[in-house]
C-alpha atoms as a PDB file:
ATOM      1  CA  UNK A   1     -64.923-108.344 -30.310  1.00  0.00           C
ATOM      2  CA  UNK A   2     -61.617-110.241 -29.086  1.00  0.00           C
ATOM      3  CA  UNK A   3     -58.479-108.518 -28.423  1.00  0.00           C
ATOM      4  CA  UNK A   4     -54.942-110.083 -28.051  1.00  0.00           C
ATOM      5  CA  UNK A   5     -51.575-109.131 -26.673  1.00  0.00           C
ATOM      6  CA  UNK A   6     -48.448-109.894 -28.897  1.00  0.00           C
ATOM      7  CA  UNK A   7     -44.643-108.955 -28.521  1.00  0.00           C
ATOM      8  CA  UNK A   8     -43.610-106.673 -31.158  1.00  0.00           C
ATOM      9  CA  UNK A   9     -39.862-107.394 -30.703  1.00  0.00           C
ATOM     10  CA  UNK A  10     -38.841-105.172 -33.660  1.00  0.00           C
ATOM     11  CA  UNK A  11     -40.224-102.030 -31.641  1.00  0.00           C
ATOM     12  CA  UNK A  12     -39.609-103.561 -28.225  1.00  0.00           C
ATOM     13  CA  UNK A  13     -43.239-103.247 -27.179  1.00  0.00           C
ATOM     14  CA  UNK A  14     -46.083-105.483 -26.393  1.00  0.00           C
ATOM     15  CA  UNK A  15     -49.314-104.467 -28.381  1.00  0.00           C
ATOM     16  CA  UNK A  16     -52.972-104.992 -27.680  1.00  0.00           C
ATOM     17  CA  UNK A  17     -54.680-105.464 -31.008  1.00  0.00           C
ATOM     18  CA  UNK A  18     -58.437-106.159 -32.090  1.00  0.00           C
ATOM     19  CA  UNK A  19     -59.532-108.686 -34.574  1.00  0.00           C
ATOM     20  CA  UNK A  20     -58.794-106.291 -37.524  1.00  0.00           C
ATOM     21  CA  UNK A  21     -55.047-106.066 -36.261  1.00  0.00           C
ATOM     22  CA  UNK A  22     -55.380-102.543 -35.202  1.00  0.00           C
ATOM     23  CA  UNK A  23     -53.297-101.433 -32.217  1.00  0.00           C
ATOM     24  CA  UNK A  24     -55.422-100.279 -29.305  1.00  0.00           C
ATOM     25  CA  UNK A  25     -52.353 -99.715 -27.072  1.00  0.00           C
ATOM     26  CA  UNK A  26     -48.837-100.618 -26.145  1.00  0.00           C
ATOM     27  CA  UNK A  27     -46.323-101.160 -23.479  1.00  0.00           C
ATOM     28  CA  UNK A  28     -42.626-100.226 -24.219  1.00  0.00           C
ATOM     29  CA  UNK A  29     -39.930-102.248 -22.740  1.00  0.00           C
ATOM     30  CA  UNK A  30     -36.401-102.722 -22.454  1.00  0.00           C
ATOM     31  CA  UNK A  31     -34.309-105.443 -20.994  1.00  0.00           C
ATOM     32  CA  UNK A  32     -32.648-104.608 -17.859  1.00  0.00           C
ATOM     33  CA  UNK A  33     -30.164-106.928 -15.995  1.00  0.00           C
ATOM     34  CA  UNK A  34     -31.951-110.013 -16.678  1.00  0.00           C
ATOM     35  CA  UNK A  35     -35.695-108.654 -16.363  1.00  0.00           C
ATOM     36  CA  UNK A  36     -37.873-106.879 -18.559  1.00  0.00           C
ATOM     37  CA  UNK A  37     -38.570-103.111 -17.558  1.00  0.00           C
ATOM     38  CA  UNK A  38     -41.893-101.935 -18.830  1.00  0.00           C
ATOM     39  CA  UNK A  39     -41.261 -98.313 -19.120  1.00  0.00           C
ATOM     40  CA  UNK A  40     -44.255 -96.766 -20.742  1.00  0.00           C
ATOM     41  CA  UNK A  41     -47.900 -97.730 -21.322  1.00  0.00           C
ATOM     42  CA  UNK A  42     -50.217 -95.949 -23.789  1.00  0.00           C
ATOM     43  CA  UNK A  43     -53.929 -96.492 -24.890  1.00  0.00           C
ATOM     44  CA  UNK A  44     -55.004 -94.887 -28.096  1.00  0.00           C
ATOM     45  CA  UNK A  45     -57.496 -92.041 -26.894  1.00  0.00           C
ATOM     46  CA  UNK A  46     -60.476 -93.533 -28.550  1.00  0.00           C
ATOM     47  CA  UNK A  47     -60.107 -96.698 -26.492  1.00  0.00           C
ATOM     48  CA  UNK A  48     -59.527 -95.100 -23.115  1.00  0.00           C
ATOM     49  CA  UNK A  49     -61.596 -95.932 -20.077  1.00  0.00           C
ATOM     50  CA  UNK A  50     -62.686 -99.354 -21.552  1.00  0.00           C
ATOM     51  CA  UNK A  51     -60.086-101.497 -19.675  1.00  0.00           C
ATOM     52  CA  UNK A  52     -57.817-101.876 -22.734  1.00  0.00           C
ATOM     53  CA  UNK A  53     -54.753-100.865 -20.649  1.00  0.00           C
ATOM     54  CA  UNK A  54     -55.546-103.220 -17.939  1.00  0.00           C
ATOM     55  CA  UNK A  55     -55.934-106.084 -20.447  1.00  0.00           C
ATOM     56  CA  UNK A  56     -52.622-104.929 -22.099  1.00  0.00           C
ATOM     57  CA  UNK A  57     -50.543-105.330 -18.805  1.00  0.00           C
ATOM     58  CA  UNK A  58     -52.338-108.467 -17.800  1.00  0.00           C
ATOM     59  CA  UNK A  59     -51.807-110.183 -20.990  1.00  0.00           C
ATOM     60  CA  UNK A  60     -48.190-108.877 -21.135  1.00  0.00           C
ATOM     61  CA  UNK A  61     -47.482-110.202 -17.761  1.00  0.00           C
ATOM     62  CA  UNK A  62     -49.003-113.603 -18.831  1.00  0.00           C
ATOM     63  CA  UNK A  63     -46.691-113.701 -21.906  1.00  0.00           C
ATOM     64  CA  UNK A  64     -43.683-112.853 -19.710  1.00  0.00           C
ATOM     65  CA  UNK A  65     -44.717-115.645 -17.047  1.00  0.00           C
ATOM     66  CA  UNK A  66     -44.966-118.241 -19.850  1.00  0.00           C
ATOM     67  CA  UNK A  67     -41.226-117.150 -20.866  1.00  0.00           C
ATOM     68  CA  UNK A  68     -40.151-117.438 -17.111  1.00  0.00           C
ATOM     69  CA  UNK A  69     -39.211-113.648 -16.990  1.00  0.00           C
ATOM     70  CA  UNK A  70     -39.375-111.262 -14.284  1.00  0.00           C
ATOM     71  CA  UNK A  71     -40.592-107.562 -14.516  1.00  0.00           C
ATOM     72  CA  UNK A  72     -39.676-104.201 -13.463  1.00  0.00           C
ATOM     73  CA  UNK A  73     -42.721-102.199 -13.480  1.00  0.00           C
ATOM     74  CA  UNK A  74     -41.335 -98.734 -14.106  1.00  0.00           C
ATOM     75  CA  UNK A  75     -44.423 -97.082 -15.818  1.00  0.00           C
ATOM     76  CA  UNK A  76     -46.528 -96.306 -12.899  1.00  0.00           C
ATOM     77  CA  UNK A  77     -49.626 -97.857 -14.368  1.00  0.00           C
ATOM     78  CA  UNK A  78     -48.087-101.419 -14.147  1.00  0.00           C
ATOM     79  CA  UNK A  79     -47.928-101.483 -10.468  1.00  0.00           C
ATOM     80  CA  UNK A  80     -51.529-100.362 -10.101  1.00  0.00           C
ATOM     81  CA  UNK A  81     -52.555-103.216 -12.285  1.00  0.00           C
ATOM     82  CA  UNK A  82     -50.289-105.619 -10.202  1.00  0.00           C
ATOM     83  CA  UNK A  83     -51.986-104.201  -7.060  1.00  0.00           C
ATOM     84  CA  UNK A  84     -55.350-105.014  -8.448  1.00  0.00           C
ATOM     85  CA  UNK A  85     -54.169-108.452  -9.623  1.00  0.00           C
ATOM     86  CA  UNK A  86     -52.085-109.964  -6.803  1.00  0.00           C
ATOM     87  CA  UNK A  87     -51.566-113.129  -8.525  1.00  0.00           C
ATOM     88  CA  UNK A  88     -48.955-111.295 -10.807  1.00  0.00           C
ATOM     89  CA  UNK A  89     -46.808-110.079  -7.776  1.00  0.00           C
ATOM     90  CA  UNK A  90     -44.445-112.821  -8.134  1.00  0.00           C
ATOM     91  CA  UNK A  91     -43.182-111.557 -11.565  1.00  0.00           C
ATOM     92  CA  UNK A  92     -41.533-108.691  -9.677  1.00  0.00           C
ATOM     93  CA  UNK A  93     -38.210-109.468  -8.143  1.00  0.00           C
ATOM     94  CA  UNK A  94     -38.762-109.347  -4.321  1.00  0.00           C
ATOM     95  CA  UNK A  95     -35.900-106.825  -3.542  1.00  0.00           C
ATOM     96  CA  UNK A  96     -37.439-104.588  -6.273  1.00  0.00           C
ATOM     97  CA  UNK A  97     -41.037-104.490  -5.051  1.00  0.00           C
ATOM     98  CA  UNK A  98     -40.680-101.733  -2.458  1.00  0.00           C
ATOM     99  CA  UNK A  99     -39.072 -99.400  -5.145  1.00  0.00           C
ATOM    100  CA  UNK A 100     -42.382 -99.684  -7.040  1.00  0.00           C
ATOM    101  CA  UNK A 101     -44.924 -99.502  -4.198  1.00  0.00           C
ATOM    102  CA  UNK A 102     -45.621-103.080  -4.148  1.00  0.00           C
ATOM    103  CA  UNK A 103     -45.975-105.369  -1.081  1.00  0.00           C
ATOM    104  CA  UNK A 104     -42.942-107.665  -0.423  1.00  0.00           C
ATOM    105  CA  UNK A 105     -45.416-110.735  -0.449  1.00  0.00           C
ATOM    106  CA  UNK A 106     -49.078-111.463  -1.516  1.00  0.00           C
ATOM    107  CA  UNK A 107     -51.774-110.506   0.749  1.00  0.00           C
ATOM    108  CA  UNK A 108     -53.230-113.423   2.625  1.00  0.00           C
ATOM    109  CA  UNK A 109     -56.683-114.322   0.941  1.00  0.00           C
END
Protein backbone atom coordinates (compact mmCIF):
# COMPACT_ATOMS: atom_id res chain seq x y z
CA UNK A 1 0.00 0.00 0.00
CA UNK A 2 1.29 3.47 -0.88
CA UNK A 3 1.03 6.39 1.52
CA UNK A 4 1.24 10.05 0.57
CA UNK A 5 1.59 13.33 2.44
CA UNK A 6 -0.68 16.29 1.77
CA UNK A 7 -1.15 19.77 3.20
CA UNK A 8 -4.57 20.21 4.77
CA UNK A 9 -4.45 24.01 4.86
CA UNK A 10 -7.94 24.27 6.37
CA UNK A 11 -6.75 22.52 9.53
CA UNK A 12 -3.14 23.75 9.28
CA UNK A 13 -1.70 20.27 9.31
CA UNK A 14 0.11 17.90 7.03
CA UNK A 15 -1.50 14.48 6.80
CA UNK A 16 -0.21 11.12 5.73
CA UNK A 17 -2.96 9.15 4.01
CA UNK A 18 -3.25 5.70 2.52
CA UNK A 19 -4.68 4.73 -0.87
CA UNK A 20 -8.22 4.79 0.59
CA UNK A 21 -7.61 8.40 1.73
CA UNK A 22 -7.68 7.37 5.40
CA UNK A 23 -5.56 9.62 7.62
CA UNK A 24 -2.79 7.59 9.28
CA UNK A 25 -1.18 10.53 11.07
CA UNK A 26 -0.73 14.28 11.00
CA UNK A 27 1.64 17.11 11.85
CA UNK A 28 0.11 20.37 13.05
CA UNK A 29 1.82 23.57 11.96
CA UNK A 30 1.62 27.32 12.23
CA UNK A 31 3.39 30.10 10.38
CA UNK A 32 5.96 31.75 12.66
CA UNK A 33 7.88 34.81 11.51
CA UNK A 34 8.47 33.63 7.95
CA UNK A 35 8.94 29.94 8.71
CA UNK A 36 6.60 27.03 9.39
CA UNK A 37 6.58 25.80 12.99
CA UNK A 38 5.69 22.11 13.24
CA UNK A 39 4.12 22.00 16.68
CA UNK A 40 2.69 18.51 17.12
CA UNK A 41 2.92 15.15 15.39
CA UNK A 42 0.53 12.29 15.93
CA UNK A 43 0.19 8.83 14.38
CA UNK A 44 -3.02 6.88 14.83
CA UNK A 45 -2.35 4.13 17.39
CA UNK A 46 -3.01 1.27 14.98
CA UNK A 47 -0.23 2.60 12.71
CA UNK A 48 2.39 3.24 15.40
CA UNK A 49 5.79 1.61 15.15
CA UNK A 50 5.56 1.12 11.38
CA UNK A 51 7.56 4.15 10.24
CA UNK A 52 4.45 6.20 9.47
CA UNK A 53 5.60 9.12 11.63
CA UNK A 54 9.00 9.28 9.97
CA UNK A 55 7.41 9.09 6.51
CA UNK A 56 5.03 11.88 7.52
CA UNK A 57 7.83 14.20 8.62
CA UNK A 58 10.13 13.42 5.69
CA UNK A 59 7.22 13.99 3.29
CA UNK A 60 6.25 17.21 5.06
CA UNK A 61 9.80 18.53 4.87
CA UNK A 62 10.02 17.58 1.20
CA UNK A 63 6.87 19.63 0.52
CA UNK A 64 8.24 22.59 2.47
CA UNK A 65 11.57 22.35 0.61
CA UNK A 66 9.71 22.46 -2.71
CA UNK A 67 7.98 25.64 -1.49
CA UNK A 68 11.34 27.11 -0.45
CA UNK A 69 10.14 27.41 3.16
CA UNK A 70 12.08 26.90 6.37
CA UNK A 71 11.02 24.94 9.44
CA UNK A 72 10.99 25.35 13.19
CA UNK A 73 10.83 21.76 14.52
CA UNK A 74 8.97 22.54 17.77
CA UNK A 75 7.54 19.03 18.13
CA UNK A 76 10.35 16.92 19.66
CA UNK A 77 9.82 14.14 17.11
CA UNK A 78 10.80 16.39 14.19
CA UNK A 79 14.41 17.10 15.28
CA UNK A 80 14.84 13.36 15.90
CA UNK A 81 13.84 12.66 12.29
CA UNK A 82 16.13 15.43 11.05
CA UNK A 83 19.05 13.94 13.01
CA UNK A 84 18.37 10.61 11.24
CA UNK A 85 18.07 12.42 7.87
CA UNK A 86 20.83 15.06 7.91
CA UNK A 87 20.02 16.07 4.33
CA UNK A 88 16.98 17.84 5.84
CA UNK A 89 19.00 19.97 8.27
CA UNK A 90 19.23 22.92 5.89
CA UNK A 91 15.47 23.49 6.27
CA UNK A 92 16.02 24.68 9.85
CA UNK A 93 17.42 28.22 10.09
CA UNK A 94 21.05 28.12 11.25
CA UNK A 95 20.36 30.48 14.16
CA UNK A 96 17.59 28.16 15.44
CA UNK A 97 19.32 24.77 15.25
CA UNK A 98 20.89 24.76 18.73
CA UNK A 99 17.47 25.58 20.20
CA UNK A 100 16.22 22.23 18.88
CA UNK A 101 19.32 20.18 19.68
CA UNK A 102 20.50 20.11 16.07
CA UNK A 103 24.05 20.68 14.82
CA UNK A 104 24.73 24.01 13.15
CA UNK A 105 26.15 22.18 10.11
CA UNK A 106 25.75 18.67 8.65
CA UNK A 107 28.24 16.05 9.76
CA UNK A 108 30.95 15.48 7.16
CA UNK A 109 30.10 12.34 5.35
